[in-house]
Amino acid sequence: MQSFRFLRIPLFSPPNALFFVSQPPHLLPVKSISRISTKNFSSQMELSLSSSSSKLLFRQLFEKDSSTYTYLLADVSHPDKPALLIDPVDKTVDRDLNLVRELGLKLVYAMNTHVHADHVTGTGLIKSKFPGAKSVISRASGSKADVLIEPGDRIPFGDLFLEVRATPGHTSGCVTYVTGDEPDQPHPRMAFTGDALLIRGCGRTDFQGGSSKQLYESVHSQIFTLPKDTLIYPAHDYKGFNVSTVGEEIVYNPRLTKDLEEFKKIMENLNLPYPKMMDIAVPANLVCGLQDPTS
């Protein structure tokens, strides 16, 4: 296992005016920065952010058993067409990799927002089928991966990048991946929030080092400080939603619009059942991307 550190960047962005959208925008300007090297229901929305020099390809994919979203992003203007997958699921790895091949992309990262308890990550299988791909997870998760990230890191793919924000509370190692805030990056910004912030909800806080207070503070300091038109893409949805915005969640989220004490009471009284996959998923996901795919 290797651990890598990426370039540090500021963690806060000033808010803009409240802005509501129900679908991602199309054909928005972006250019370049630096270079490094379904069968199931699938909401394959593409966000094409175009200029003369760069384009972000975006797909939102769904795994029905765990209601998990997997996200594919790629810089298709770059000669290598480097791509990454966020929160892949073992059951849909073949579907996702077939899409990568069909689109002529080079998969460089298979990433998780946290150690999931409701499904087994697909990063191990992906690495066995795409040997050049590296697994990514936060160092705070206590999991194994090729790349262990920390708050403020940048994860580059071609001329685009994601920044890492620590958003613990659902688990102690949760992070949110956010597209860059520089003029040559996609606009509006996109936040991949894992289970920290769901559309009109949030992840539970009663296991895996969860903390209602920590989750509340994480979301308010690290996500709700983003520009209001930032698009919110969670790891799960159980009501048929596929995208929201920071501005919408600040106003309409039924839990996180409350004060901290009321939020804690809400979370203490959810009375949710024990996750049926937890005893299988968590041990597998703690060796993120390095587990034996035949196990």
C-alpha atoms as a PDB file:
ATOM      1  CA  MET A   1       0.000   0.000   0.000  1.00  0.00           C
ATOM      2  CA  GLN A   2       1.175   3.477  -0.833  1.00  0.00           C
ATOM      3  CA  SER A   3      -0.003   6.763   0.595  1.00  0.00           C
ATOM      4  CA  PHE A   4       0.053   9.897  -1.511  1.00  0.00           C
ATOM      5  CA  ARG A   5      -0.481  13.538  -0.680  1.00  0.00           C
ATOM      6  CA  PHE A   6      -1.997  15.990  -3.117  1.00  0.00           C
ATOM      7  CA  LEU A   7      -1.747  19.760  -3.354  1.00  0.00           C
ATOM      8  CA  ARG A   8      -3.520  21.587  -0.522  1.00  0.00           C
ATOM      9  CA  ILE A   9      -6.247  24.137  -1.260  1.00  0.00           C
ATOM     10  CA  PRO A  10      -8.589  26.353   0.820  1.00  0.00           C
ATOM     11  CA  LEU A  11     -11.687  24.636   2.195  1.00  0.00           C
ATOM     12  CA  PHE A  12     -14.197  27.475   2.029  1.00  0.00           C
ATOM     13  CA  SER A  13     -15.909  29.315  -0.789  1.00  0.00           C
ATOM     14  CA  PRO A  14     -18.108  32.420  -0.425  1.00  0.00           C
ATOM     15  CA  PRO A  15     -21.844  31.830  -0.935  1.00  0.00           C
ATOM     16  CA  ASN A  16     -23.644  33.233  -3.957  1.00  0.00           C
ATOM     17  CA  ALA A  17     -27.273  34.220  -4.428  1.00  0.00           C
ATOM     18  CA  LEU A  18     -29.852  31.458  -3.919  1.00  0.00           C
ATOM     19  CA  PHE A  19     -30.283  29.492  -7.131  1.00  0.00           C
ATOM     20  CA  PHE A  20     -32.536  26.504  -7.776  1.00  0.00           C
ATOM     21  CA  VAL A  21     -32.191  23.892 -10.509  1.00  0.00           C
ATOM     22  CA  SER A  22     -33.797  20.512 -11.085  1.00  0.00           C
ATOM     23  CA  GLN A  23     -31.500  19.283 -13.865  1.00  0.00           C
ATOM     24  CA  PRO A  24     -27.773  19.762 -14.480  1.00  0.00           C
ATOM     25  CA  PRO A  25     -26.819  22.540 -16.906  1.00  0.00           C
ATOM     26  CA  HIS A  26     -25.379  21.821 -20.327  1.00  0.00           C
ATOM     27  CA  LEU A  27     -22.606  23.347 -22.375  1.00  0.00           C
ATOM     28  CA  LEU A  28     -21.043  25.549 -19.732  1.00  0.00           C
ATOM     29  CA  PRO A  29     -17.583  27.093 -20.168  1.00  0.00           C
ATOM     30  CA  VAL A  30     -14.440  25.500 -18.770  1.00  0.00           C
ATOM     31  CA  LYS A  31     -10.802  25.244 -19.857  1.00  0.00           C
ATOM     32  CA  SER A  32      -7.730  23.484 -18.541  1.00  0.00           C
ATOM     33  CA  ILE A  33      -5.282  23.438 -15.621  1.00  0.00           C
ATOM     34  CA  SER A  34      -2.484  20.933 -14.989  1.00  0.00           C
ATOM     35  CA  ARG A  35      -1.983  17.353 -16.132  1.00  0.00           C
ATOM     36  CA  ILE A  36      -1.408  14.140 -14.192  1.00  0.00           C
ATOM     37  CA  SER A  37      -1.175  11.189 -14.752  1.00  0.00           C
ATOM     38  CA  THR A  38     -27.734  -0.997 -17.328  1.00  0.00           C
ATOM     39  CA  LYS A  39     -29.541  -3.079 -17.125  1.00  0.00           C
ATOM     40  CA  ASN A  40     -30.529  -1.716 -13.736  1.00  0.00           C
ATOM     41  CA  PHE A  41     -32.210   1.668 -13.643  1.00  0.00           C
ATOM     42  CA  SER A  42     -29.532   4.094 -14.679  1.00  0.00           C
ATOM     43  CA  SER A  43     -29.849   7.849 -14.624  1.00  0.00           C
ATOM     44  CA  GLN A  44     -27.130   8.501 -17.160  1.00  0.00           C
ATOM     45  CA  MET A  45     -27.279  12.274 -17.197  1.00  0.00           C
ATOM     46  CA  GLU A  46     -24.359  13.921 -18.924  1.00  0.00           C
ATOM     47  CA  LEU A  47     -23.019  17.260 -17.845  1.00  0.00           C
ATOM     48  CA  SER A  48     -20.993  18.591 -20.767  1.00  0.00           C
ATOM     49  CA  LEU A  49     -18.925  21.583 -19.781  1.00  0.00           C
ATOM     50  CA  SER A  50     -17.379  22.781 -22.983  1.00  0.00           C
ATOM     51  CA  SER A  51     -14.955  25.312 -24.340  1.00  0.00           C
ATOM     52  CA  SER A  52     -12.396  25.185 -27.094  1.00  0.00           C
ATOM     53  CA  SER A  53     -10.038  23.174 -24.891  1.00  0.00           C
ATOM     54  CA  SER A  54     -11.914  21.047 -22.337  1.00  0.00           C
ATOM     55  CA  LYS A  55     -15.048  19.057 -21.663  1.00  0.00           C
ATOM     56  CA  LEU A  56     -16.260  17.205 -18.579  1.00  0.00           C
ATOM     57  CA  LEU A  57     -18.185  14.039 -19.267  1.00  0.00           C
ATOM     58  CA  PHE A  58     -20.514  13.055 -16.424  1.00  0.00           C
ATOM     59  CA  ARG A  59     -22.716  10.011 -15.810  1.00  0.00           C
ATOM     60  CA  GLN A  60     -24.915   9.195 -12.832  1.00  0.00           C
ATOM     61  CA  LEU A  61     -25.503   5.443 -12.428  1.00  0.00           C
ATOM     62  CA  PHE A  62     -27.817   3.603 -10.017  1.00  0.00           C
ATOM     63  CA  GLU A  63     -27.652   0.282  -8.149  1.00  0.00           C
ATOM     64  CA  LYS A  64     -31.187  -0.641  -7.132  1.00  0.00           C
ATOM     65  CA  ASP A  65     -30.634  -3.089  -4.248  1.00  0.00           C
ATOM     66  CA  SER A  66     -28.786  -0.568  -2.066  1.00  0.00           C
ATOM     67  CA  SER A  67     -30.166   2.528  -3.828  1.00  0.00           C
ATOM     68  CA  THR A  68     -26.584   3.633  -4.447  1.00  0.00           C
ATOM     69  CA  TYR A  69     -25.451   6.206  -6.979  1.00  0.00           C
ATOM     70  CA  THR A  70     -22.109   5.701  -8.729  1.00  0.00           C
ATOM     71  CA  TYR A  71     -20.644   8.670 -10.569  1.00  0.00           C
ATOM     72  CA  LEU A  72     -18.395   8.617 -13.634  1.00  0.00           C
ATOM     73  CA  LEU A  73     -16.410  11.760 -14.474  1.00  0.00           C
ATOM     74  CA  ALA A  74     -13.866  12.198 -17.262  1.00  0.00           C
ATOM     75  CA  ASP A  75     -11.902  14.912 -19.015  1.00  0.00           C
ATOM     76  CA  VAL A  76     -12.693  13.949 -22.599  1.00  0.00           C
ATOM     77  CA  SER A  77     -10.727  16.855 -24.075  1.00  0.00           C
ATOM     78  CA  HIS A  78      -7.493  15.419 -22.682  1.00  0.00           C
ATOM     79  CA  PRO A  79      -5.591  13.049 -25.014  1.00  0.00           C
ATOM     80  CA  ASP A  80      -5.834  10.190 -22.482  1.00  0.00           C
ATOM     81  CA  LYS A  81      -9.495  10.869 -21.561  1.00  0.00           C
ATOM     82  CA  PRO A  82      -8.751  10.142 -17.872  1.00  0.00           C
ATOM     83  CA  ALA A  83     -11.759   9.152 -15.794  1.00  0.00           C
ATOM     84  CA  LEU A  84     -12.737   8.322 -12.224  1.00  0.00           C
ATOM     85  CA  LEU A  85     -15.599   6.462 -10.554  1.00  0.00           C
ATOM     86  CA  ILE A  86     -17.052   7.592  -7.224  1.00  0.00           C
ATOM     87  CA  ASP A  87     -18.720   4.994  -4.937  1.00  0.00           C
ATOM     88  CA  PRO A  88     -18.755   1.980  -7.286  1.00  0.00           C
ATOM     89  CA  VAL A  89     -20.771  -1.099  -6.203  1.00  0.00           C
ATOM     90  CA  ASP A  90     -19.505  -4.647  -6.668  1.00  0.00           C
ATOM     91  CA  LYS A  91     -22.767  -5.780  -8.303  1.00  0.00           C
ATOM     92  CA  THR A  92     -22.550  -3.198 -11.098  1.00  0.00           C
ATOM     93  CA  VAL A  93     -18.814  -3.193 -11.840  1.00  0.00           C
ATOM     94  CA  ASP A  94     -19.257  -4.883 -15.233  1.00  0.00           C
ATOM     95  CA  ARG A  95     -21.901  -2.364 -16.261  1.00  0.00           C
ATOM     96  CA  ASP A  96     -19.739   0.566 -15.200  1.00  0.00           C
ATOM     97  CA  LEU A  97     -16.568  -0.717 -16.846  1.00  0.00           C
ATOM     98  CA  ASN A  98     -18.402  -1.502 -20.076  1.00  0.00           C
ATOM     99  CA  LEU A  99     -19.502   2.125 -20.140  1.00  0.00           C
ATOM    100  CA  VAL A 100     -15.915   3.268 -19.557  1.00  0.00           C
ATOM    101  CA  ARG A 101     -14.770   1.121 -22.494  1.00  0.00           C
ATOM    102  CA  GLU A 102     -17.607   2.235 -24.776  1.00  0.00           C
ATOM    103  CA  LEU A 103     -16.763   5.878 -24.162  1.00  0.00           C
ATOM    104  CA  GLY A 104     -13.059   5.283 -24.793  1.00  0.00           C
ATOM    105  CA  LEU A 105     -11.969   6.461 -21.349  1.00  0.00           C
ATOM    106  CA  LYS A 106      -8.907   5.636 -19.262  1.00  0.00           C
ATOM    107  CA  LEU A 107      -9.971   4.861 -15.705  1.00  0.00           C
ATOM    108  CA  VAL A 108      -7.409   6.223 -13.247  1.00  0.00           C
ATOM    109  CA  TYR A 109      -9.267   6.259  -9.901  1.00  0.00           C
ATOM    110  CA  ALA A 110     -11.982   4.196  -8.194  1.00  0.00           C
ATOM    111  CA  MET A 111     -12.991   6.253  -5.161  1.00  0.00           C
ATOM    112  CA  ASN A 112     -15.176   5.934  -2.092  1.00  0.00           C
ATOM    113  CA  THR A 113     -16.700   8.713  -0.021  1.00  0.00           C
ATOM    114  CA  HIS A 114     -16.554   6.491   3.106  1.00  0.00           C
ATOM    115  CA  VAL A 115     -16.634   2.899   4.353  1.00  0.00           C
ATOM    116  CA  HIS A 116     -20.110   1.837   3.262  1.00  0.00           C
ATOM    117  CA  ALA A 117     -22.278  -0.419   5.431  1.00  0.00           C
ATOM    118  CA  ASP A 118     -25.022  -1.245   2.911  1.00  0.00           C
ATOM    119  CA  HIS A 119     -23.012  -2.625  -0.012  1.00  0.00           C
ATOM    120  CA  VAL A 120     -19.579  -3.925  -0.903  1.00  0.00           C
ATOM    121  CA  THR A 121     -17.448  -1.441  -2.802  1.00  0.00           C
ATOM    122  CA  GLY A 122     -16.553  -2.313  -6.380  1.00  0.00           C
ATOM    123  CA  THR A 123     -12.993  -0.997  -6.142  1.00  0.00           C
ATOM    124  CA  GLY A 124     -11.399  -4.427  -5.665  1.00  0.00           C
ATOM    125  CA  LEU A 125     -13.058  -5.876  -8.747  1.00  0.00           C
ATOM    126  CA  ILE A 126     -12.289  -2.738 -10.732  1.00  0.00           C
ATOM    127  CA  LYS A 127      -8.583  -3.011  -9.895  1.00  0.00           C
ATOM    128  CA  SER A 128      -8.543  -6.647 -11.021  1.00  0.00           C
ATOM    129  CA  LYS A 129     -10.118  -5.713 -14.369  1.00  0.00           C
ATOM    130  CA  PHE A 130      -8.360  -2.345 -14.838  1.00  0.00           C
ATOM    131  CA  PRO A 131      -4.875  -2.873 -13.291  1.00  0.00           C
ATOM    132  CA  GLY A 132      -3.890   0.760 -13.829  1.00  0.00           C
ATOM    133  CA  ALA A 133      -6.753   2.114 -11.711  1.00  0.00           C
ATOM    134  CA  LYS A 134      -5.974   3.154  -8.135  1.00  0.00           C
ATOM    135  CA  SER A 135      -8.352   2.885  -5.182  1.00  0.00           C
ATOM    136  CA  VAL A 136      -8.953   6.041  -3.124  1.00  0.00           C
ATOM    137  CA  ILE A 137     -10.445   6.634   0.333  1.00  0.00           C
ATOM    138  CA  SER A 138      -9.823   8.979   3.253  1.00  0.00           C
ATOM    139  CA  ARG A 139      -7.013   8.262   5.677  1.00  0.00           C
ATOM    140  CA  ALA A 140      -9.446   8.938   8.548  1.00  0.00           C
ATOM    141  CA  SER A 141     -11.607   6.007   7.446  1.00  0.00           C
ATOM    142  CA  GLY A 142      -9.042   3.522   8.738  1.00  0.00           C
ATOM    143  CA  SER A 143      -9.411   1.608   5.483  1.00  0.00           C
ATOM    144  CA  LYS A 144      -6.732   0.372   3.117  1.00  0.00           C
ATOM    145  CA  ALA A 145      -6.387   1.805  -0.388  1.00  0.00           C
ATOM    146  CA  ASP A 146      -3.742   2.771  -2.929  1.00  0.00           C
ATOM    147  CA  VAL A 147      -4.282   6.473  -2.243  1.00  0.00           C
ATOM    148  CA  LEU A 148      -5.192   7.775   1.222  1.00  0.00           C
ATOM    149  CA  ILE A 149      -6.525  11.307   1.028  1.00  0.00           C
ATOM    150  CA  GLU A 150      -6.855  14.100   3.574  1.00  0.00           C
ATOM    151  CA  PRO A 151      -8.863  17.345   3.741  1.00  0.00           C
ATOM    152  CA  GLY A 152      -7.609  19.936   1.287  1.00  0.00           C
ATOM    153  CA  ASP A 153      -6.132  17.417  -1.146  1.00  0.00           C
ATOM    154  CA  ARG A 154      -6.741  17.709  -4.867  1.00  0.00           C
ATOM    155  CA  ILE A 155      -7.476  14.650  -6.978  1.00  0.00           C
ATOM    156  CA  PRO A 156      -6.624  15.510 -10.584  1.00  0.00           C
ATOM    157  CA  PHE A 157      -7.934  13.769 -13.693  1.00  0.00           C
ATOM    158  CA  GLY A 158      -6.590  15.339 -16.852  1.00  0.00           C
ATOM    159  CA  ASP A 159      -6.992  19.099 -16.627  1.00  0.00           C
ATOM    160  CA  LEU A 160      -9.797  18.873 -14.081  1.00  0.00           C
ATOM    161  CA  PHE A 161      -9.714  18.072 -10.371  1.00  0.00           C
ATOM    162  CA  LEU A 162     -11.777  17.291  -7.300  1.00  0.00           C
ATOM    163  CA  GLU A 163     -11.022  18.811  -3.905  1.00  0.00           C
ATOM    164  CA  VAL A 164     -11.441  16.817  -0.692  1.00  0.00           C
ATOM    165  CA  ARG A 165     -13.538  18.124   2.206  1.00  0.00           C
ATOM    166  CA  ALA A 166     -13.846  16.235   5.485  1.00  0.00           C
ATOM    167  CA  THR A 167     -17.521  15.690   6.338  1.00  0.00           C
ATOM    168  CA  PRO A 168     -17.521  13.148   9.197  1.00  0.00           C
ATOM    169  CA  GLY A 169     -20.564  12.343  11.300  1.00  0.00           C
ATOM    170  CA  HIS A 170     -22.224   9.511   9.394  1.00  0.00           C
ATOM    171  CA  THR A 171     -18.894   7.728   9.819  1.00  0.00           C
ATOM    172  CA  SER A 172     -15.651   9.102  11.166  1.00  0.00           C
ATOM    173  CA  GLY A 173     -14.012   8.951   7.737  1.00  0.00           C
ATOM    174  CA  CYS A 174     -16.610  10.526   5.441  1.00  0.00           C
ATOM    175  CA  VAL A 175     -15.442  13.001   2.809  1.00  0.00           C
ATOM    176  CA  THR A 176     -17.157  15.097   0.149  1.00  0.00           C
ATOM    177  CA  TYR A 177     -15.551  15.488  -3.276  1.00  0.00           C
ATOM    178  CA  VAL A 178     -16.098  18.910  -4.869  1.00  0.00           C
ATOM    179  CA  THR A 179     -15.163  20.139  -8.341  1.00  0.00           C
ATOM    180  CA  GLY A 180     -12.679  23.000  -8.374  1.00  0.00           C
ATOM    181  CA  ASP A 181     -13.475  26.652  -7.712  1.00  0.00           C
ATOM    182  CA  GLU A 182     -11.098  28.099 -10.292  1.00  0.00           C
ATOM    183  CA  PRO A 183     -12.405  29.843 -13.458  1.00  0.00           C
ATOM    184  CA  ASP A 184     -11.174  27.022 -15.693  1.00  0.00           C
ATOM    185  CA  GLN A 185     -13.119  24.350 -13.764  1.00  0.00           C
ATOM    186  CA  PRO A 186     -16.769  23.263 -14.215  1.00  0.00           C
ATOM    187  CA  HIS A 187     -19.465  25.724 -13.255  1.00  0.00           C
ATOM    188  CA  PRO A 188     -21.689  25.434 -11.355  1.00  0.00           C
ATOM    189  CA  ARG A 189     -19.626  23.345  -8.988  1.00  0.00           C
ATOM    190  CA  MET A 190     -20.577  19.753  -8.173  1.00  0.00           C
ATOM    191  CA  ALA A 191     -20.410  18.167  -4.697  1.00  0.00           C
ATOM    192  CA  PHE A 192     -20.401  14.384  -4.255  1.00  0.00           C
ATOM    193  CA  THR A 193     -21.550  14.196  -0.660  1.00  0.00           C
ATOM    194  CA  GLY A 194     -21.667  10.459   0.062  1.00  0.00           C
ATOM    195  CA  ASP A 195     -24.048   9.834   2.985  1.00  0.00           C
ATOM    196  CA  ALA A 196     -23.228  13.063   4.799  1.00  0.00           C
ATOM    197  CA  LEU A 197     -25.856  15.051   2.912  1.00  0.00           C
ATOM    198  CA  LEU A 198     -28.703  13.350   1.070  1.00  0.00           C
ATOM    199  CA  ILE A 199     -31.418  15.080  -0.910  1.00  0.00           C
ATOM    200  CA  ARG A 200     -33.798  16.357   1.789  1.00  0.00           C
ATOM    201  CA  GLY A 201     -32.053  14.177   4.346  1.00  0.00           C
ATOM    202  CA  CYS A 202     -28.721  12.918   5.705  1.00  0.00           C
ATOM    203  CA  GLY A 203     -27.012   9.705   6.691  1.00  0.00           C
ATOM    204  CA  ARG A 204     -27.702   8.004  10.030  1.00  0.00           C
ATOM    205  CA  THR A 205     -25.280   8.609  12.888  1.00  0.00           C
ATOM    206  CA  ASP A 206     -25.743   5.594  15.180  1.00  0.00           C
ATOM    207  CA  PHE A 207     -22.802   3.380  14.129  1.00  0.00           C
ATOM    208  CA  GLN A 208     -19.240   3.386  12.682  1.00  0.00           C
ATOM    209  CA  GLY A 209     -18.082   6.310  14.782  1.00  0.00           C
ATOM    210  CA  GLY A 210     -21.143   8.365  13.902  1.00  0.00           C
ATOM    211  CA  SER A 211     -21.938  11.631  15.659  1.00  0.00           C
ATOM    212  CA  SER A 212     -24.995  13.828  15.130  1.00  0.00           C
ATOM    213  CA  LYS A 213     -23.149  16.906  16.367  1.00  0.00           C
ATOM    214  CA  GLN A 214     -20.193  16.226  14.087  1.00  0.00           C
ATOM    215  CA  LEU A 215     -22.406  15.594  11.054  1.00  0.00           C
ATOM    216  CA  TYR A 216     -24.366  18.800  11.631  1.00  0.00           C
ATOM    217  CA  GLU A 217     -21.182  20.855  11.940  1.00  0.00           C
ATOM    218  CA  SER A 218     -19.568  19.128   8.937  1.00  0.00           C
ATOM    219  CA  VAL A 219     -22.467  19.819   6.596  1.00  0.00           C
ATOM    220  CA  HIS A 220     -22.894  23.412   7.718  1.00  0.00           C
ATOM    221  CA  SER A 221     -19.188  24.280   7.552  1.00  0.00           C
ATOM    222  CA  GLN A 222     -18.026  22.242   4.547  1.00  0.00           C
ATOM    223  CA  ILE A 223     -21.059  21.925   2.238  1.00  0.00           C
ATOM    224  CA  PHE A 224     -23.462  24.745   3.080  1.00  0.00           C
ATOM    225  CA  THR A 225     -20.595  27.246   2.651  1.00  0.00           C
ATOM    226  CA  LEU A 226     -20.300  26.315  -1.035  1.00  0.00           C
ATOM    227  CA  PRO A 227     -21.965  28.568  -3.626  1.00  0.00           C
ATOM    228  CA  LYS A 228     -25.743  28.127  -3.531  1.00  0.00           C
ATOM    229  CA  ASP A 229     -25.893  26.861  -7.111  1.00  0.00           C
ATOM    230  CA  THR A 230     -23.478  23.996  -6.344  1.00  0.00           C
ATOM    231  CA  LEU A 231     -25.071  20.745  -7.487  1.00  0.00           C
ATOM    232  CA  ILE A 232     -25.509  18.088  -4.774  1.00  0.00           C
ATOM    233  CA  TYR A 233     -24.985  14.452  -5.816  1.00  0.00           C
ATOM    234  CA  PRO A 234     -25.411  12.031  -2.864  1.00  0.00           C
ATOM    235  CA  ALA A 235     -24.366   8.395  -2.570  1.00  0.00           C
ATOM    236  CA  HIS A 236     -27.968   7.257  -2.116  1.00  0.00           C
ATOM    237  CA  ASP A 237     -31.546   8.245  -2.762  1.00  0.00           C
ATOM    238  CA  TYR A 238     -34.683   6.381  -1.699  1.00  0.00           C
ATOM    239  CA  LYS A 239     -37.360   8.723  -3.065  1.00  0.00           C
ATOM    240  CA  GLY A 240     -36.476   9.063  -6.744  1.00  0.00           C
ATOM    241  CA  PHE A 241     -34.416  12.265  -6.575  1.00  0.00           C
ATOM    242  CA  ASN A 242     -31.127  12.462  -8.455  1.00  0.00           C
ATOM    243  CA  VAL A 243     -29.772  15.971  -7.879  1.00  0.00           C
ATOM    244  CA  SER A 244     -30.271  18.985  -5.621  1.00  0.00           C
ATOM    245  CA  THR A 245     -28.388  22.200  -4.889  1.00  0.00           C
ATOM    246  CA  VAL A 246     -26.771  23.680  -1.814  1.00  0.00           C
ATOM    247  CA  GLY A 247     -29.358  26.469  -1.916  1.00  0.00           C
ATOM    248  CA  GLU A 248     -32.251  24.015  -1.936  1.00  0.00           C
ATOM    249  CA  GLU A 249     -30.919  21.973   0.969  1.00  0.00           C
ATOM    250  CA  ILE A 250     -30.229  25.067   3.084  1.00  0.00           C
ATOM    251  CA  VAL A 251     -33.899  26.001   2.749  1.00  0.00           C
ATOM    252  CA  TYR A 252     -35.744  22.681   2.435  1.00  0.00           C
ATOM    253  CA  ASN A 253     -33.741  19.936   4.145  1.00  0.00           C
ATOM    254  CA  PRO A 254     -36.135  18.829   6.934  1.00  0.00           C
ATOM    255  CA  ARG A 255     -33.314  17.853   9.312  1.00  0.00           C
ATOM    256  CA  LEU A 256     -30.437  20.222   8.673  1.00  0.00           C
ATOM    257  CA  THR A 257     -32.581  23.368   8.649  1.00  0.00           C
ATOM    258  CA  LYS A 258     -33.172  22.815  12.376  1.00  0.00           C
ATOM    259  CA  ASP A 259     -30.839  24.010  15.129  1.00  0.00           C
ATOM    260  CA  LEU A 260     -28.257  21.591  16.488  1.00  0.00           C
ATOM    261  CA  GLU A 261     -30.235  20.415  19.523  1.00  0.00           C
ATOM    262  CA  GLU A 262     -33.356  19.681  17.502  1.00  0.00           C
ATOM    263  CA  PHE A 263     -31.262  17.927  14.873  1.00  0.00           C
ATOM    264  CA  LYS A 264     -29.724  15.687  17.540  1.00  0.00           C
ATOM    265  CA  LYS A 265     -33.196  14.768  18.821  1.00  0.00           C
ATOM    266  CA  ILE A 266     -34.331  13.884  15.298  1.00  0.00           C
ATOM    267  CA  MET A 267     -31.321  11.641  14.740  1.00  0.00           C
ATOM    268  CA  GLU A 268     -31.699   9.959  18.146  1.00  0.00           C
ATOM    269  CA  ASN A 269     -35.275   8.959  17.335  1.00  0.00           C
ATOM    270  CA  LEU A 270     -35.005   7.603  13.793  1.00  0.00           C
ATOM    271  CA  ASN A 271     -35.346   3.997  15.059  1.00  0.00           C
ATOM    272  CA  LEU A 272     -33.746   2.580  11.918  1.00  0.00           C
ATOM    273  CA  PRO A 273     -33.127  -1.176  11.552  1.00  0.00           C
ATOM    274  CA  TYR A 274     -29.629  -2.631  11.662  1.00  0.00           C
ATOM    275  CA  PRO A 275     -28.181  -2.505   8.108  1.00  0.00           C
ATOM    276  CA  LYS A 276     -28.669  -5.974   6.651  1.00  0.00           C
ATOM    277  CA  MET A 277     -25.347  -5.893   4.761  1.00  0.00           C
ATOM    278  CA  MET A 278     -23.274  -4.280   7.495  1.00  0.00           C
ATOM    279  CA  ASP A 279     -21.511  -7.401   8.819  1.00  0.00           C
ATOM    280  CA  ILE A 280     -20.438  -8.318   5.288  1.00  0.00           C
ATOM    281  CA  ALA A 281     -19.877  -4.889   3.778  1.00  0.00           C
ATOM    282  CA  VAL A 282     -17.842  -3.146   6.461  1.00  0.00           C
ATOM    283  CA  PRO A 283     -15.062  -5.791   6.774  1.00  0.00           C
ATOM    284  CA  ALA A 284     -14.753  -5.958   2.975  1.00  0.00           C
ATOM    285  CA  ASN A 285     -14.746  -2.198   2.593  1.00  0.00           C
ATOM    286  CA  LEU A 286     -12.072  -1.734   5.256  1.00  0.00           C
ATOM    287  CA  VAL A 287      -9.669  -3.292   2.769  1.00  0.00           C
ATOM    288  CA  CYS A 288     -10.955  -0.931   0.087  1.00  0.00           C
ATOM    289  CA  GLY A 289      -9.703  -1.828  -3.365  1.00  0.00           C
ATOM    290  CA  LEU A 290      -7.295  -4.466  -2.119  1.00  0.00           C
ATOM    291  CA  GLN A 291      -9.630  -7.316  -1.194  1.00  0.00           C
ATOM    292  CA  ASP A 292      -9.390 -10.621  -3.057  1.00  0.00           C
ATOM    293  CA  PRO A 293     -12.128 -10.283  -5.703  1.00  0.00           C
ATOM    294  CA  THR A 294     -12.848 -14.017  -5.450  1.00  0.00           C
ATOM    295  CA  SER A 295     -13.562 -13.823  -1.702  1.00  0.00           C
END
